[in-house]
């Protein structure tokens, strides 16, 4: 009975907890539903903002060779929004595009600062492709400032590309083109030509027209250096046509500059002047001081060849002023780049320390919030349990009283069952006795007539008794057996008869 009481009480307590559990479960479901709706709304908004960041980055990249100032504006828009939504990949790409814009404008220090910012963010999210691109960009930046640094970053890009087993053909083409530039500066024209051709073939395979313009322009320059002006013109004119169709101001200016040099060397001064005039116009559009200085140099050479000494002197004075400025700026550029790199590394280390501290503080805050939430839940549950305890005790008292009454009833029922069992046992014993007597009487009373029947059958078989006499005596034996069976049946079904 005790086990039954325990089971009943436990079931009742669990039953009383169901409404509270339902309320708690309903609250949890509502909170989760609200969180899901909010998360979905935030996801859609974030996706929209992410798309806007990527669009601005793409626009900035597209106009880098046409108007670098617009590249910087698009990059600033993307950077501001990417930081707002904590889109690290977008932040890294925006810094890279801004660095490209500053590079094409000739602002080396600003360019490398943006490149290092991009590199730090790419490394934060383990974006190997982004890291390789940045190393290539920094290598290009050092190309005319620090030859050793240029090679260092270029080899780092190639090493990372190979170790990561990347399958990105546009990056591979850029590696080849940068290697070609290095060999061109070293006057190792065969190696330069080989690397430029590798980049050109990849650009054709990719169908990347901008990359193809750069590759053909470089091929034209190297063919000019080795004296194959016919081949140089073929590549330069093809790249010029493609660059104009793509509205690439800077490449158009550079190609015209190379063609102008070829025509000056061929003493074809009219075509040289035509190329220099067209190229200068595109250089002005691209806002590149370096390109304008190169056009001044070639214009001076052209006027000198024509023996227009007054015009040549004007260009020479402009070149002298520019050289003076460039000499001091170039000497300071290497130092500025080094200082920018040092500042960037210090900033990177400081950012890492800040990030670690923020992670620790965030962990502490999350732990505190979780602990507070758990304490609130415990307090609510304890308060609810205290309120239910009084009601539960009252119910338990009533249940125990009811169980006691049921126990008394069960005791009375058990006592009555015992009496019934005793009575039925006695009845069974009496019936068993009668059955035993019946069996004994049947064996004694019936066996005699049956033995007589068997004897009569033997006598009739041997012919000692006539058939008619045998039948009469058999009828008599059968009647005697029938009387005895009736008598025994009466004895069994009549309780008043005590024995046979």
Protein backbone atom coordinates (compact mmCIF):
# COMPACT_ATOMS: atom_id res chain seq x y z
CA UNK A 1 0.00 0.00 0.00
CA UNK A 2 2.89 2.42 0.70
CA UNK A 3 4.23 2.13 -2.84
CA UNK A 4 0.76 2.94 -4.18
CA UNK A 5 0.63 6.08 -2.04
CA UNK A 6 4.00 7.29 -3.32
CA UNK A 7 3.06 6.73 -6.95
CA UNK A 8 -0.24 8.54 -6.48
CA UNK A 9 1.36 11.55 -4.78
CA UNK A 10 4.12 11.86 -7.40
CA UNK A 11 1.60 11.73 -10.21
CA UNK A 12 -0.49 14.42 -8.59
CA UNK A 13 2.47 16.76 -8.07
CA UNK A 14 3.55 16.33 -11.68
CA UNK A 15 0.00 17.02 -12.79
CA UNK A 16 -0.05 20.27 -10.83
CA UNK A 17 3.20 21.43 -12.53
CA UNK A 18 1.72 21.12 -16.02
CA UNK A 19 0.04 24.59 -16.15
CA UNK A 20 3.28 26.30 -15.03
CA UNK A 21 5.32 24.32 -17.55
CA UNK A 22 2.83 25.22 -20.28
CA UNK A 23 3.17 28.92 -19.44
CA UNK A 24 6.95 28.67 -19.34
CA UNK A 25 7.03 26.77 -22.63
CA UNK A 26 4.67 29.30 -24.22
CA UNK A 27 6.90 32.17 -23.11
CA UNK A 28 9.99 30.43 -24.49
CA UNK A 29 8.25 29.78 -27.81
CA UNK A 30 7.11 33.41 -28.04
CA UNK A 31 10.62 34.66 -27.22
CA UNK A 32 12.12 32.32 -29.82
CA UNK A 33 9.54 33.40 -32.39
CA UNK A 34 10.20 37.07 -31.72
CA UNK A 35 13.94 36.40 -31.88
CA UNK A 36 13.53 34.54 -35.17
CA UNK A 37 11.48 37.35 -36.70
CA UNK A 38 13.97 39.93 -35.48
CA UNK A 39 16.91 37.85 -36.70
CA UNK A 40 15.28 37.45 -40.11
CA UNK A 41 14.68 41.20 -40.37
CA UNK A 42 18.25 41.90 -39.30
CA UNK A 43 19.52 39.31 -41.79
CA UNK A 44 17.62 40.93 -44.67
CA UNK A 45 18.82 44.40 -43.68
CA UNK A 46 22.39 43.16 -43.30
CA UNK A 47 22.22 41.37 -46.65
CA UNK A 48 21.00 44.58 -48.28
CA UNK A 49 23.80 46.59 -46.65
CA UNK A 50 26.36 43.94 -47.61
CA UNK A 51 25.26 44.13 -51.23
CA UNK A 52 25.61 47.91 -51.14
CA UNK A 53 29.15 47.60 -49.75
CA UNK A 54 30.14 45.15 -52.49
CA UNK A 55 28.53 47.33 -55.18
CA UNK A 56 30.50 50.40 -54.07
CA UNK A 57 33.70 48.36 -54.02
CA UNK A 58 33.02 47.06 -57.54
CA UNK A 59 32.30 50.57 -58.84
CA UNK A 60 35.48 51.91 -57.28
CA UNK A 61 37.54 49.12 -58.82
CA UNK A 62 36.00 49.67 -62.26
CA UNK A 63 36.98 53.36 -62.40
CA UNK A 64 40.46 53.01 -60.88
CA UNK A 65 42.12 53.38 -64.30
CA UNK A 66 39.74 56.12 -65.41
CA UNK A 67 39.27 58.40 -62.38
CA UNK A 68 41.08 57.33 -59.18
CA UNK A 69 39.44 60.11 -57.17
CA UNK A 70 36.07 58.42 -57.75
CA UNK A 71 37.64 55.13 -56.68
CA UNK A 72 38.51 56.69 -53.32
CA UNK A 73 35.00 58.11 -52.90
CA UNK A 74 33.37 54.76 -53.57
CA UNK A 75 35.85 53.06 -51.23
CA UNK A 76 35.06 55.54 -48.41
CA UNK A 77 31.32 54.86 -48.78
CA UNK A 78 31.88 51.11 -48.71
CA UNK A 79 34.26 51.37 -45.76
CA UNK A 80 31.86 53.44 -43.65
CA UNK A 81 28.95 51.05 -44.22
CA UNK A 82 31.08 47.91 -43.84
CA UNK A 83 32.34 49.09 -40.44
CA UNK A 84 28.80 49.93 -39.37
CA UNK A 85 27.51 46.39 -40.07
CA UNK A 86 30.77 44.74 -38.93
CA UNK A 87 31.39 43.26 -42.40
CA UNK A 88 35.10 42.44 -42.11
CA UNK A 89 35.57 41.18 -45.66
CA UNK A 90 33.95 44.37 -46.94
CA UNK A 91 36.19 46.49 -44.71
CA UNK A 92 39.28 44.73 -46.07
CA UNK A 93 38.19 45.09 -49.70
CA UNK A 94 37.28 48.76 -49.21
CA UNK A 95 40.72 49.53 -47.76
CA UNK A 96 42.36 47.73 -50.70
CA UNK A 97 40.34 49.66 -53.29
CA UNK A 98 41.10 52.92 -51.51
CA UNK A 99 44.79 51.99 -51.57
CA UNK A 100 44.58 51.42 -55.33
CA UNK A 101 43.02 54.84 -55.81
CA UNK A 102 45.73 56.55 -53.74
CA UNK A 103 48.40 54.60 -55.64
CA UNK A 104 47.15 55.73 -59.04
CA UNK A 105 47.06 59.30 -57.74
CA UNK A 106 50.71 58.96 -56.64
CA UNK A 107 49.99 59.11 -52.89
CA UNK A 108 52.28 56.25 -51.86
CA UNK A 109 52.11 56.80 -48.11
CA UNK A 110 48.31 56.85 -48.03
CA UNK A 111 48.23 53.88 -50.38
CA UNK A 112 50.41 51.67 -48.17
CA UNK A 113 48.49 52.65 -45.03
CA UNK A 114 45.28 51.46 -46.67
CA UNK A 115 46.99 48.31 -47.95
CA UNK A 116 48.19 47.38 -44.46
CA UNK A 117 44.72 48.02 -43.03
CA UNK A 118 43.30 45.70 -45.70
CA UNK A 119 45.99 43.09 -44.98
CA UNK A 120 45.19 43.09 -41.24
CA UNK A 121 41.47 42.54 -41.91
CA UNK A 122 42.11 39.81 -44.49
CA UNK A 123 44.37 38.02 -42.02
CA UNK A 124 41.70 38.34 -39.33
CA UNK A 125 39.24 36.29 -41.42
CA UNK A 126 41.90 34.01 -42.96
CA UNK A 127 41.19 35.25 -46.50
CA UNK A 128 44.27 33.97 -48.36
CA UNK A 129 43.20 35.35 -51.75
CA UNK A 130 42.87 38.83 -50.26
CA UNK A 131 46.30 38.55 -48.61
CA UNK A 132 47.94 37.57 -51.91
CA UNK A 133 46.32 40.52 -53.70
CA UNK A 134 47.56 42.93 -51.03
CA UNK A 135 51.12 41.60 -51.22
CA UNK A 136 51.02 42.13 -54.99
CA UNK A 137 49.70 45.69 -54.54
CA UNK A 138 52.42 46.53 -52.01
CA UNK A 139 55.04 45.02 -54.31
CA UNK A 140 53.88 47.31 -57.13
CA UNK A 141 54.01 50.28 -54.78
CA UNK A 142 57.67 49.59 -53.92
CA UNK A 143 58.58 48.96 -57.57
CA UNK A 144 60.20 52.36 -58.19
CA UNK A 145 61.09 53.13 -54.55
CA UNK A 146 62.76 50.07 -53.00
CA UNK A 147 63.70 47.22 -55.33
CA UNK A 148 64.45 44.76 -52.50
CA UNK A 149 61.13 45.43 -50.76
CA UNK A 150 59.36 45.02 -54.07
CA UNK A 151 60.88 41.54 -54.51
CA UNK A 152 60.19 40.64 -50.87
CA UNK A 153 56.45 41.24 -51.16
CA UNK A 154 56.25 39.76 -54.64
CA UNK A 155 57.91 36.52 -53.52
CA UNK A 156 55.71 36.47 -50.41
CA UNK A 157 52.63 36.67 -52.66
CA UNK A 158 53.88 33.86 -54.88
CA UNK A 159 54.83 31.69 -51.87
CA UNK A 160 51.42 32.15 -50.26
CA UNK A 161 49.64 31.46 -53.57
CA UNK A 162 51.56 28.20 -54.02
CA UNK A 163 51.33 27.01 -50.40
CA UNK A 164 47.57 27.62 -50.29
CA UNK A 165 47.23 25.80 -53.64
CA UNK A 166 45.00 28.55 -55.00
CA UNK A 167 43.40 28.16 -58.41
CA UNK A 168 42.85 31.83 -59.21
CA UNK A 169 44.09 32.68 -62.69
CA UNK A 170 43.75 36.45 -62.46
CA UNK A 171 46.05 36.46 -59.42
CA UNK A 172 48.48 34.16 -61.22
CA UNK A 173 48.47 36.54 -64.21
CA UNK A 174 49.22 39.48 -61.89
CA UNK A 175 52.16 37.56 -60.40
CA UNK A 176 53.58 36.96 -63.88
CA UNK A 177 53.11 40.61 -64.89
CA UNK A 178 54.80 41.88 -61.71
CA UNK A 179 57.71 39.49 -62.24
CA UNK A 180 57.94 40.80 -65.79
CA UNK A 181 58.17 44.36 -64.45
CA UNK A 182 61.04 43.38 -62.16
CA UNK A 183 62.96 41.74 -64.99
CA UNK A 184 62.23 44.75 -67.23
CA UNK A 185 63.76 47.09 -64.62
CA UNK A 186 66.80 44.77 -64.45
CA UNK A 187 67.07 44.89 -68.28
CA UNK A 188 66.56 41.11 -68.31
CA UNK A 189 64.31 41.40 -71.34
CA UNK A 190 63.98 37.70 -72.22
CA UNK A 191 62.68 36.79 -68.78
CA UNK A 192 60.46 39.88 -68.82
CA UNK A 193 59.05 38.87 -72.21
CA UNK A 194 58.41 35.31 -71.01
CA UNK A 195 56.53 36.45 -67.88
CA UNK A 196 54.53 39.08 -69.82
CA UNK A 197 53.53 36.44 -72.36
CA UNK A 198 52.38 34.10 -69.58
CA UNK A 199 50.21 36.88 -68.17
CA UNK A 200 48.86 37.71 -71.63
CA UNK A 201 47.87 34.09 -72.32
CA UNK A 202 46.04 33.85 -68.98
CA UNK A 203 44.20 37.13 -69.66
CA UNK A 204 43.01 35.75 -73.01
CA UNK A 205 41.90 32.53 -71.33
CA UNK A 206 39.97 34.48 -68.71
CA UNK A 207 38.55 36.98 -71.18
CA UNK A 208 39.67 39.79 -68.83
CA UNK A 209 40.06 42.82 -71.12
CA UNK A 210 41.61 45.12 -68.50
CA UNK A 211 44.25 42.51 -67.68
CA UNK A 212 44.78 41.97 -71.40
CA UNK A 213 45.39 45.71 -71.92
CA UNK A 214 48.10 45.69 -69.23
CA UNK A 215 49.75 42.55 -70.63
CA UNK A 216 49.81 43.84 -74.23
CA UNK A 217 51.09 47.24 -73.11
CA UNK A 218 53.95 45.57 -71.21
CA UNK A 219 54.73 43.36 -74.20
CA UNK A 220 54.89 46.45 -76.40
CA UNK A 221 57.32 48.12 -73.99
CA UNK A 222 59.64 45.12 -73.78
CA UNK A 223 59.65 44.65 -77.56
CA UNK A 224 60.57 48.33 -77.85
CA UNK A 225 63.46 47.74 -75.45
CA UNK A 226 64.84 44.88 -77.57
CA UNK A 227 64.47 46.92 -80.79
CA UNK A 228 61.53 45.04 -82.36
CA UNK A 229 59.44 48.16 -82.98
CA UNK A 230 57.15 46.42 -85.48
CA UNK A 231 56.05 43.86 -82.88
CA UNK A 232 55.90 46.58 -80.25
CA UNK A 233 53.51 48.68 -82.38
CA UNK A 234 51.23 45.70 -83.00
CA UNK A 235 50.75 45.09 -79.27
CA UNK A 236 50.58 48.79 -78.38
CA UNK A 237 47.96 49.67 -81.01
CA UNK A 238 45.86 46.63 -80.10
CA UNK A 239 46.03 47.51 -76.41
CA UNK A 240 45.28 51.19 -77.21
CA UNK A 241 42.12 50.29 -79.12
CA UNK A 242 40.95 47.98 -76.32
CA UNK A 243 41.79 50.54 -73.59
CA UNK A 244 39.80 53.26 -75.37
CA UNK A 245 36.81 50.95 -75.72
CA UNK A 246 36.97 50.37 -71.96
CA UNK A 247 37.47 54.09 -71.13
CA UNK A 248 40.74 53.39 -69.32
CA UNK A 249 42.31 56.86 -69.17
CA UNK A 250 45.57 55.95 -67.47
CA UNK A 251 46.47 52.99 -69.77
CA UNK A 252 45.54 55.08 -72.87
CA UNK A 253 47.92 57.81 -71.69
CA UNK A 254 50.72 55.31 -70.96
CA UNK A 255 50.34 53.55 -74.33
CA UNK A 256 50.42 56.87 -76.21
CA UNK A 257 53.56 57.73 -74.27
CA UNK A 258 55.23 54.48 -75.43
CA UNK A 259 54.12 55.04 -79.03
CA UNK A 260 55.43 58.61 -78.89
CA UNK A 261 58.86 57.32 -77.82
CA UNK A 262 58.89 54.87 -80.76
CA UNK A 263 57.95 57.58 -83.29
CA UNK A 264 60.55 59.97 -81.90
CA UNK A 265 63.18 57.25 -82.31
CA UNK A 266 61.96 56.76 -85.90
CA UNK A 267 62.05 60.53 -86.52
CA UNK A 268 58.32 60.44 -87.33
CA UNK A 269 57.71 63.67 -85.41
CA UNK A 270 54.17 64.37 -86.57
CA UNK A 271 52.86 61.03 -85.36
CA UNK A 272 54.93 61.41 -82.20
CA UNK A 273 53.32 64.79 -81.48
CA UNK A 274 49.88 63.37 -82.19
CA UNK A 275 50.44 60.53 -79.70
CA UNK A 276 51.86 62.89 -77.06
CA UNK A 277 48.97 65.33 -77.37
CA UNK A 278 46.36 62.61 -77.13
CA UNK A 279 48.19 60.92 -74.27
CA UNK A 280 48.56 64.18 -72.31
CA UNK A 281 44.81 64.77 -72.54
CA UNK A 282 44.15 61.32 -71.05
CA UNK A 283 46.85 61.87 -68.40
CA UNK A 284 45.07 65.05 -67.31
CA UNK A 285 41.82 63.08 -67.03
CA UNK A 286 43.53 60.42 -64.94
CA UNK A 287 44.94 63.14 -62.62
CA UNK A 288 48.38 61.51 -62.55
CA UNK A 289 51.28 63.92 -61.94
CA UNK A 290 53.79 61.21 -62.77
CA UNK A 291 52.31 60.66 -66.22
CA UNK A 292 52.27 64.40 -66.94
CA UNK A 293 55.94 64.58 -66.00
CA UNK A 294 56.72 61.75 -68.42
CA UNK A 295 54.89 63.60 -71.18
CA UNK A 296 56.98 66.69 -70.43
CA UNK A 297 60.13 64.57 -70.79
CA UNK A 298 59.04 63.13 -74.16
CA UNK A 299 57.84 66.54 -75.37
CA UNK A 300 61.26 67.98 -74.51
CA UNK A 301 62.93 65.18 -76.48
CA UNK A 302 60.59 65.74 -79.45
CA UNK A 303 61.18 69.51 -79.57
CA UNK A 304 64.92 68.95 -79.20
CA UNK A 305 64.88 66.56 -82.18
CA UNK A 306 62.92 69.15 -84.15
CA UNK A 307 65.44 71.81 -83.09
CA UNK A 308 62.66 73.87 -81.49
CA UNK A 309 65.02 74.88 -78.71
CA UNK A 310 62.75 77.46 -77.11
CA UNK A 311 59.90 74.97 -76.68
CA UNK A 312 62.42 72.34 -75.60
CA UNK A 313 63.76 74.70 -72.94
CA UNK A 314 60.24 75.31 -71.60
CA UNK A 315 59.70 71.57 -71.23
CA UNK A 316 63.15 71.16 -69.72
CA UNK A 317 62.43 73.78 -67.05
CA UNK A 318 59.18 71.99 -66.18
CA UNK A 319 61.09 68.72 -65.99
CA UNK A 320 63.78 70.27 -63.78
CA UNK A 321 61.18 71.63 -61.36
CA UNK A 322 59.39 68.31 -61.32
CA UNK A 323 62.66 66.41 -60.86
CA UNK A 324 63.58 68.55 -57.88
CA UNK A 325 60.22 67.91 -56.31
CA UNK A 326 60.31 64.24 -57.21
CA UNK A 327 63.86 63.78 -55.94
CA UNK A 328 62.98 65.03 -52.49
CA UNK A 329 59.62 63.28 -52.49
CA UNK A 330 61.14 60.01 -53.73
CA UNK A 331 63.76 60.04 -51.00
CA UNK A 332 61.11 60.75 -48.44
CA UNK A 333 58.74 58.22 -50.02
CA UNK A 334 60.85 55.24 -48.94
CA UNK A 335 61.07 56.62 -45.42
CA UNK A 336 57.36 57.41 -45.43
CA UNK A 337 56.53 53.89 -46.57
CA UNK A 338 58.75 52.44 -43.86
CA UNK A 339 57.18 54.68 -41.23
CA UNK A 340 53.71 53.84 -42.47
CA UNK A 341 54.52 50.14 -42.29
CA UNK A 342 55.90 50.55 -38.76
CA UNK A 343 52.84 52.51 -37.65
CA UNK A 344 50.61 49.90 -39.24
CA UNK A 345 52.36 47.05 -37.45
CA UNK A 346 52.05 48.92 -34.16
CA UNK A 347 48.39 49.56 -34.90
CA UNK A 348 47.92 45.88 -35.74
CA UNK A 349 49.45 44.82 -32.43
CA UNK A 350 47.34 47.36 -30.56
CA UNK A 351 44.22 46.15 -32.37
CA UNK A 352 45.06 42.58 -31.39
CA UNK A 353 45.42 43.64 -27.74
CA UNK A 354 42.14 45.54 -27.91
CA UNK A 355 40.44 42.59 -29.59
CA UNK A 356 41.69 40.19 -26.91
CA UNK A 357 40.56 42.56 -24.17
CA UNK A 358 37.16 43.00 -25.81
CA UNK A 359 36.77 39.22 -26.13
CA UNK A 360 37.58 38.83 -22.43
CA UNK A 361 35.20 41.62 -21.40
CA UNK A 362 32.54 40.19 -23.72
CA UNK A 363 32.94 36.76 -22.15
CA UNK A 364 32.63 38.26 -18.65
CA UNK A 365 29.53 40.24 -19.69
CA UNK A 366 27.91 37.20 -21.30
CA UNK A 367 28.70 35.08 -18.24
CA UNK A 368 27.21 37.74 -15.94
CA UNK A 369 24.06 38.00 -18.05
CA UNK A 370 23.65 34.22 -18.17
CA UNK A 371 24.20 33.95 -14.41
CA UNK A 372 21.70 36.74 -13.73
CA UNK A 373 19.16 35.09 -16.02
CA UNK A 374 19.65 31.76 -14.25
CA UNK A 375 19.23 33.42 -10.84
CA UNK A 376 16.01 35.08 -11.98
CA UNK A 377 14.70 31.76 -13.26
CA UNK A 378 15.65 30.05 -9.98
CA UNK A 379 13.94 32.78 -7.93
CA UNK A 380 10.78 32.55 -10.04
CA UNK A 381 10.74 28.78 -9.75
CA UNK A 382 11.33 28.88 -5.97
CA UNK A 383 8.57 31.45 -5.49
CA UNK A 384 6.21 29.36 -7.57
CA UNK A 385 7.17 26.22 -5.63
CA UNK A 386 6.53 27.93 -2.27
CA UNK A 387 3.06 28.96 -3.41
CA UNK A 388 2.30 25.47 -4.62
CA UNK A 389 3.72 23.81 -1.51
CA UNK A 390 0.85 24.84 0.78
CA UNK A 391 -1.74 23.68 -1.72
CA UNK A 392 0.16 20.46 -2.32
CA UNK A 393 0.38 19.73 1.44
CA UNK A 394 -3.34 20.29 1.82
CA UNK A 395 -4.07 17.96 -1.03
CA UNK A 396 -1.67 15.38 0.36
CA UNK A 397 -3.48 15.46 3.73
CA UNK A 398 -6.81 14.87 2.02
CA UNK A 399 -5.28 12.12 -0.07
CA UNK A 400 -3.79 10.40 2.98
CA UNK A 401 -7.20 10.47 4.74
CA UNK A 402 -8.84 9.01 1.67
CA UNK A 403 -6.14 6.37 1.41
CA UNK A 404 -6.64 5.41 5.08
CA UNK A 405 -10.36 4.92 4.42
CA UNK A 406 -9.54 2.85 1.37
CA UNK A 407 -7.16 0.77 3.48
CA UNK A 408 -9.95 0.01 6.03
CA UNK A 409 -12.27 -0.98 3.20
CA UNK A 410 -9.59 -3.22 1.73
CA UNK A 411 -9.06 -4.87 5.15
CA UNK A 412 -12.79 -5.64 5.43
CA UNK A 413 -12.83 -6.97 1.88
CA UNK A 414 -9.79 -9.14 2.60
CA UNK A 415 -11.45 -10.57 5.77
CA UNK A 416 -14.62 -11.37 3.83
CA UNK A 417 -12.55 -12.98 1.08
CA UNK A 418 -10.82 -15.19 3.65
CA UNK A 419 -14.22 -16.41 4.98
CA UNK A 420 -15.40 -17.18 1.46
CA UNK A 421 -12.17 -19.05 0.74
CA UNK A 422 -12.55 -21.16 3.96
CA UNK A 423 -16.15 -22.03 3.11
CA UNK A 424 -15.29 -23.01 -0.42
CA UNK A 425 -12.35 -25.04 0.81
CA UNK A 426 -14.62 -27.07 3.10
CA UNK A 427 -17.11 -27.58 0.28
CA UNK A 428 -14.34 -28.79 -2.00
CA UNK A 429 -13.07 -31.16 0.67
CA UNK A 430 -16.59 -32.62 1.07
CA UNK A 431 -16.96 -33.03 -2.67
CA UNK A 432 -13.59 -34.66 -2.90
CA UNK A 433 -14.60 -37.10 -0.18
CA UNK A 434 -17.83 -37.93 -2.00
CA UNK A 435 -15.94 -38.40 -5.24
CA UNK A 436 -13.57 -40.74 -3.49
CA UNK A 437 -16.48 -42.73 -2.02
CA UNK A 438 -18.25 -42.70 -5.36
CA UNK A 439 -15.17 -44.05 -7.04
CA UNK A 440 -14.76 -46.78 -4.43
CA UNK A 441 -18.46 -47.69 -4.51
CA UNK A 442 -18.48 -47.66 -8.30
CA UNK A 443 -15.52 -49.97 -8.36
CA UNK A 444 -17.17 -52.34 -5.85
CA UNK A 445 -20.84 -52.25 -6.87
CA UNK A 446 -20.55 -52.08 -10.64
CA UNK A 447 -17.68 -54.50 -11.00
CA UNK A 448 -19.81 -57.48 -9.75
CA UNK A 449 -22.55 -57.28 -12.45
CA UNK A 450 -19.92 -56.62 -15.11
CA UNK A 451 -18.04 -59.77 -14.03
CA UNK A 452 -21.34 -61.70 -14.23
CA UNK A 453 -21.90 -60.38 -17.77
CA UNK A 454 -18.48 -61.53 -18.80
CA UNK A 455 -19.08 -64.99 -17.31
CA UNK A 456 -22.44 -65.34 -19.11
CA UNK A 457 -20.78 -64.37 -22.39
CA UNK A 458 -18.14 -67.09 -21.86
CA UNK A 459 -20.80 -69.71 -20.98
CA UNK A 460 -22.87 -68.83 -24.04
CA UNK A 461 -19.76 -69.02 -26.25
CA UNK A 462 -18.99 -72.50 -24.92
CA UNK A 463 -22.64 -73.56 -25.33
CA UNK A 464 -23.23 -74.27 -21.65
CA UNK A 465 -26.15 -71.80 -21.49
CA UNK A 466 -28.79 -71.23 -24.08
CA UNK A 467 -28.88 -67.93 -25.89
CA UNK A 468 -32.31 -66.97 -24.57
CA UNK A 469 -31.39 -67.72 -20.98
CA UNK A 470 -28.14 -65.79 -21.43
CA UNK A 471 -29.99 -62.75 -22.74
CA UNK A 472 -32.44 -62.72 -19.82
CA UNK A 473 -29.66 -62.95 -17.29
CA UNK A 474 -27.74 -60.17 -19.10
CA UNK A 475 -30.82 -57.94 -19.01
CA UNK A 476 -31.02 -58.54 -15.30
CA UNK A 477 -27.34 -57.59 -14.83
CA UNK A 478 -27.78 -54.40 -16.88
CA UNK A 479 -30.82 -53.38 -14.82
CA UNK A 480 -28.83 -53.98 -11.65
CA UNK A 481 -25.97 -51.76 -12.99
CA UNK A 482 -28.47 -49.01 -13.93
CA UNK A 483 -30.02 -49.08 -10.44
CA UNK A 484 -26.63 -48.76 -8.80
CA UNK A 485 -25.62 -45.82 -11.07
CA UNK A 486 -28.90 -43.98 -10.27
CA UNK A 487 -28.33 -44.61 -6.59
CA UNK A 488 -24.76 -43.28 -6.73
CA UNK A 489 -25.88 -40.19 -8.71
CA UNK A 490 -28.47 -39.47 -6.07
CA UNK A 491 -25.85 -39.86 -3.38
CA UNK A 492 -23.54 -37.33 -5.14
CA UNK A 493 -26.22 -34.69 -5.71
CA UNK A 494 -28.01 -35.09 -2.39
CA UNK A 495 -26.07 -33.37 0.40
CA UNK A 496 -28.21 -35.04 3.10
CA UNK A 497 -26.79 -38.48 2.31
CA UNK A 498 -23.67 -38.94 4.29
CA UNK A 499 -22.36 -42.07 2.66
CA UNK A 500 -23.00 -44.82 0.19
